[in-house]
Amino acid sequence: MTKAELNFMIDSRVEALVGFLMEDKDMSLLDAFDRVYNSRTYRLLSNPQTGLYYQSAGYVYSYLEEECQ
């Protein structure tokens, strides 16, 4: 997998996570991005060794939800 492909997969998951937060938690766009980018889930998602970027957005969101509780 190339670096560009990896970045695309991570960015796609981030986009979905932000959308979920905006819909489920009634967050603003900026607050949702802030929550994602400052989360442990994002650090795991960004680490290619975890393979989390291969998982569905819903699966990754379950990690973020658990972290935010």
Protein backbone atom coordinates (compact mmCIF):
# COMPACT_ATOMS: atom_id res chain seq x y z
CA MET A 1 0.00 0.00 0.00
CA THR A 2 1.33 3.41 -0.90
CA LYS A 3 1.46 6.35 1.49
CA ALA A 4 -1.22 8.10 -0.59
CA GLU A 5 -3.54 5.09 -0.33
CA LEU A 6 -3.00 4.88 3.42
CA ASN A 7 -3.72 8.59 3.83
CA PHE A 8 -6.86 8.24 1.73
CA MET A 9 -8.15 5.42 3.92
CA ILE A 10 -7.43 7.33 7.12
CA ASP A 11 -8.99 10.53 5.77
CA SER A 12 -12.09 8.58 4.70
CA ARG A 13 -12.51 7.18 8.20
CA VAL A 14 -12.01 10.63 9.75
CA GLU A 15 -14.66 12.10 7.45
CA ALA A 16 -17.11 9.40 8.51
CA LEU A 17 -16.30 9.81 12.20
CA VAL A 18 -16.90 13.55 12.00
CA GLY A 19 -20.22 12.92 10.28
CA PHE A 20 -21.26 10.43 12.96
CA LEU A 21 -20.39 12.85 15.74
CA MET A 22 -22.28 15.68 14.09
CA GLU A 23 -25.35 13.50 13.66
CA ASP A 24 -25.30 11.45 16.87
CA LYS A 25 -23.92 14.01 19.30
CA ASP A 26 -25.24 17.16 17.60
CA MET A 27 -21.70 18.60 17.40
CA SER A 28 -20.58 21.39 15.16
CA LEU A 29 -18.15 20.55 12.36
CA LEU A 30 -15.21 22.14 14.18
CA ASP A 31 -16.02 20.46 17.49
CA ALA A 32 -16.32 17.08 15.77
CA PHE A 33 -12.97 17.48 14.00
CA ASP A 34 -11.40 18.58 17.28
CA ARG A 35 -12.79 15.53 19.08
CA VAL A 36 -11.53 13.14 16.41
CA TYR A 37 -8.07 14.63 15.91
CA ASN A 38 -7.41 14.84 19.66
CA SER A 39 -8.55 11.31 20.43
CA ARG A 40 -6.67 8.13 21.20
CA THR A 41 -8.76 6.52 18.48
CA TYR A 42 -7.24 8.85 15.89
CA ARG A 43 -3.74 8.01 17.10
CA LEU A 44 -4.53 4.31 16.67
CA LEU A 45 -6.16 4.93 13.29
CA SER A 46 -3.10 6.86 12.11
CA ASN A 47 -0.69 4.11 13.13
CA PRO A 48 -0.37 1.70 10.18
CA GLN A 49 0.78 -1.08 12.51
CA THR A 50 -2.64 -1.27 14.20
CA GLY A 51 -4.48 -1.94 10.94
CA LEU A 52 -7.46 0.01 12.31
CA TYR A 53 -7.71 1.96 9.05
CA TYR A 54 -8.81 -1.32 7.38
CA GLN A 55 -11.90 -1.54 9.59
CA SER A 56 -15.27 -0.04 8.75
CA ALA A 57 -16.09 3.49 9.84
CA GLY A 58 -18.79 2.14 12.14
CA TYR A 59 -16.31 -0.14 13.86
CA VAL A 60 -13.82 2.70 14.35
CA TYR A 61 -16.65 4.91 15.62
CA SER A 62 -17.42 2.34 18.32
CA TYR A 63 -13.86 2.88 19.62
CA LEU A 64 -14.36 6.65 19.61
CA GLU A 65 -17.72 6.40 21.37
CA GLU A 66 -16.26 4.19 24.08
CA GLU A 67 -13.35 6.58 24.52
CA CYS A 68 -15.65 9.61 24.86
CA GLN A 69 -17.79 8.11 27.63
